[in-house]
């Protein structure tokens, strides 16, 4: 009966202080809140760590093949000194698409664990299939990751090679 005399705020405060098994609801909420902050920080740290060049070339499949080729491209070394790394082209910037891409990348981790491309010969045998998957992904996103650095308004088509001009 005393519970009804407290009013809405009093009943809510009482519910927050009532023990649920061993701890009060307020304690559980505070612990849950801080646990959520720690989880979110760890999650975002992991997301960013997997976007580094060091992470991308940490497996020999990339370090010994594609990375060596990439170092000879304009995206690696150019007159402006701006260097695009793997994640600039292969991982979306906005959060929703980034998480979706990271989930898709678990397929690549499975392939790594199963040894699908663990030798140069296996890599070369699957290379075209891997490239076609990436080209499909880029086409489906309308080259969204390219446009993070390349804006149409800043392009001078007269200075572009014919193939590049046709693409743009």
Protein backbone atom coordinates (compact mmCIF):
# COMPACT_ATOMS: atom_id res chain seq x y z
CA UNK A 1 0.00 0.00 0.00
CA UNK A 2 2.87 2.37 0.81
CA UNK A 3 4.13 1.81 -2.74
CA UNK A 4 0.98 3.44 -4.18
CA UNK A 5 1.42 6.59 -2.04
CA UNK A 6 4.87 7.39 -3.49
CA UNK A 7 3.70 8.67 -6.85
CA UNK A 8 5.13 7.84 -10.25
CA UNK A 9 8.62 9.26 -9.63
CA UNK A 10 8.87 7.58 -6.24
CA UNK A 11 7.82 4.21 -7.66
CA UNK A 12 10.32 4.54 -10.53
CA UNK A 13 13.13 5.45 -8.13
CA UNK A 14 12.15 2.58 -5.87
CA UNK A 15 12.20 0.17 -8.83
CA UNK A 16 15.70 1.36 -9.74
CA UNK A 17 16.90 0.67 -6.19
CA UNK A 18 15.12 -2.67 -5.72
CA UNK A 19 17.44 -5.63 -5.78
CA UNK A 20 16.96 -7.95 -8.75
CA UNK A 21 18.37 -11.22 -7.51
CA UNK A 22 21.60 -9.66 -6.18
CA UNK A 23 21.99 -6.16 -7.69
CA UNK A 24 19.68 -3.21 -8.03
CA UNK A 25 18.37 -2.24 -11.44
CA UNK A 26 20.26 1.06 -11.17
CA UNK A 27 23.54 -0.83 -10.62
CA UNK A 28 22.80 -3.04 -13.60
CA UNK A 29 22.03 -0.02 -15.78
CA UNK A 30 25.22 1.82 -14.74
CA UNK A 31 27.38 -1.28 -15.27
CA UNK A 32 25.63 -1.93 -18.59
CA UNK A 33 26.19 1.67 -19.70
CA UNK A 34 29.91 1.61 -18.96
CA UNK A 35 30.27 -1.88 -20.44
CA UNK A 36 28.62 -0.55 -23.59
CA UNK A 37 31.13 2.30 -23.77
CA UNK A 38 34.05 -0.13 -23.39
CA UNK A 39 32.57 -2.47 -26.02
CA UNK A 40 31.93 0.40 -28.45
CA UNK A 41 35.47 1.70 -28.00
CA UNK A 42 36.94 -1.75 -28.57
CA UNK A 43 34.72 -2.35 -31.59
CA UNK A 44 35.73 0.93 -33.24
CA UNK A 45 39.40 0.34 -32.41
CA UNK A 46 39.22 -3.05 -34.14
CA UNK A 47 37.40 -1.51 -37.13
CA UNK A 48 40.15 1.09 -37.55
CA UNK A 49 43.00 -1.39 -36.94
CA UNK A 50 41.72 -3.54 -39.80
CA UNK A 51 41.81 -0.50 -42.10
CA UNK A 52 45.58 -0.03 -41.89
CA UNK A 53 48.05 -0.88 -44.63
CA UNK A 54 50.01 -2.95 -42.12
CA UNK A 55 46.97 -5.12 -41.45
CA UNK A 56 46.20 -5.54 -45.14
CA UNK A 57 49.68 -6.75 -46.02
CA UNK A 58 50.17 -8.81 -42.87
CA UNK A 59 49.40 -12.00 -44.77
CA UNK A 60 51.94 -13.13 -47.33
CA UNK A 61 49.28 -13.52 -50.03
CA UNK A 62 48.88 -9.75 -50.24
CA UNK A 63 52.41 -8.72 -49.25
CA UNK A 64 54.10 -10.86 -51.90
CA UNK A 65 51.71 -10.23 -54.79
CA UNK A 66 49.23 -7.37 -54.98
CA UNK A 67 51.19 -5.08 -52.63
CA UNK A 68 54.30 -5.34 -54.81
CA UNK A 69 52.22 -4.37 -57.85
CA UNK A 70 50.47 -1.56 -55.98
CA UNK A 71 53.84 0.02 -55.11
CA UNK A 72 54.37 0.62 -58.84
CA UNK A 73 51.08 2.51 -59.31
CA UNK A 74 50.19 6.18 -59.11
CA UNK A 75 48.10 5.44 -56.01
CA UNK A 76 51.31 4.57 -54.14
CA UNK A 77 53.78 7.14 -55.46
CA UNK A 78 52.92 10.30 -57.36
CA UNK A 79 53.91 13.93 -57.78
CA UNK A 80 51.56 15.15 -55.01
CA UNK A 81 52.74 12.71 -52.36
CA UNK A 82 49.18 11.58 -51.61
CA UNK A 83 49.11 7.84 -51.05
CA UNK A 84 45.96 5.75 -51.15
CA UNK A 85 46.10 2.61 -49.02
CA UNK A 86 44.02 -0.55 -49.41
CA UNK A 87 41.14 0.63 -47.24
CA UNK A 88 40.80 3.89 -49.18
CA UNK A 89 39.64 1.90 -52.21
CA UNK A 90 38.22 -1.26 -50.65
CA UNK A 91 36.43 -0.10 -47.47
CA UNK A 92 33.57 2.44 -47.49
CA UNK A 93 33.91 5.48 -45.24
CA UNK A 94 30.35 5.70 -43.94
CA UNK A 95 29.60 3.47 -40.98
CA UNK A 96 26.73 1.35 -42.35
CA UNK A 97 28.52 0.40 -45.57
CA UNK A 98 31.79 -0.08 -43.68
CA UNK A 99 30.22 -2.60 -41.29
CA UNK A 100 28.55 -4.39 -44.21
CA UNK A 101 31.92 -4.61 -46.00
CA UNK A 102 33.64 -5.91 -42.86
CA UNK A 103 30.98 -8.61 -42.57
CA UNK A 104 31.55 -9.54 -46.22
CA UNK A 105 35.28 -9.71 -45.50
CA UNK A 106 34.71 -12.63 -43.13
CA UNK A 107 34.48 -14.72 -46.31
CA UNK A 108 38.06 -13.66 -47.04
CA UNK A 109 39.10 -14.71 -43.53
CA UNK A 110 37.51 -18.10 -44.12
CA UNK A 111 39.50 -18.43 -47.34
CA UNK A 112 42.66 -17.50 -45.47
CA UNK A 113 41.98 -20.11 -42.78
CA UNK A 114 41.21 -22.80 -45.37
CA UNK A 115 44.32 -22.02 -47.44
CA UNK A 116 42.36 -21.08 -50.56
CA UNK A 117 45.10 -18.73 -51.83
CA UNK A 118 48.03 -19.55 -49.54
CA UNK A 119 50.56 -20.14 -52.34
CA UNK A 120 51.47 -17.90 -55.29
CA UNK A 121 50.10 -20.57 -57.63
CA UNK A 122 46.74 -20.77 -55.84
CA UNK A 123 46.55 -16.98 -55.74
CA UNK A 124 47.18 -16.68 -59.48
CA UNK A 125 44.60 -19.39 -60.19
CA UNK A 126 41.91 -17.40 -58.29
CA UNK A 127 43.19 -13.92 -59.17
CA UNK A 128 40.70 -13.17 -61.96
CA UNK A 129 37.77 -14.40 -59.86
CA UNK A 130 38.89 -12.21 -56.94
CA UNK A 131 39.32 -9.20 -59.23
CA UNK A 132 35.92 -9.73 -60.84
CA UNK A 133 34.30 -9.85 -57.39
CA UNK A 134 35.94 -6.53 -56.54
CA UNK A 135 34.96 -4.95 -59.86
CA UNK A 136 31.35 -6.06 -59.29
CA UNK A 137 31.38 -4.56 -55.81
CA UNK A 138 32.77 -1.27 -57.10
CA UNK A 139 30.24 -1.14 -59.94
CA UNK A 140 27.37 -1.86 -57.52
CA UNK A 141 28.46 1.05 -55.31
CA UNK A 142 28.93 3.35 -58.32
CA UNK A 143 32.64 3.61 -57.41
CA UNK A 144 31.75 5.27 -54.09
CA UNK A 145 35.20 4.66 -52.60
CA UNK A 146 36.92 6.17 -55.67
CA UNK A 147 34.85 9.32 -55.26
CA UNK A 148 36.15 9.77 -51.72
CA UNK A 149 39.31 11.13 -53.37
CA UNK A 150 38.34 11.75 -57.00
CA UNK A 151 35.69 14.38 -57.64
CA UNK A 152 34.29 14.88 -61.14
CA UNK A 153 34.28 18.65 -60.67
CA UNK A 154 38.07 18.63 -60.22
CA UNK A 155 38.85 16.46 -63.24
CA UNK A 156 40.31 17.84 -66.42
CA UNK A 157 39.31 15.28 -69.03
CA UNK A 158 41.73 16.76 -71.57
CA UNK A 159 44.64 15.71 -69.34
CA UNK A 160 43.33 12.18 -68.92
CA UNK A 161 44.34 9.21 -70.98
CA UNK A 162 41.62 8.03 -73.42
CA UNK A 163 40.72 4.99 -71.30
CA UNK A 164 40.31 7.11 -68.16
CA UNK A 165 38.32 9.73 -70.06
CA UNK A 166 35.93 7.02 -71.29
CA UNK A 167 35.41 5.71 -67.73
CA UNK A 168 34.55 9.16 -66.40
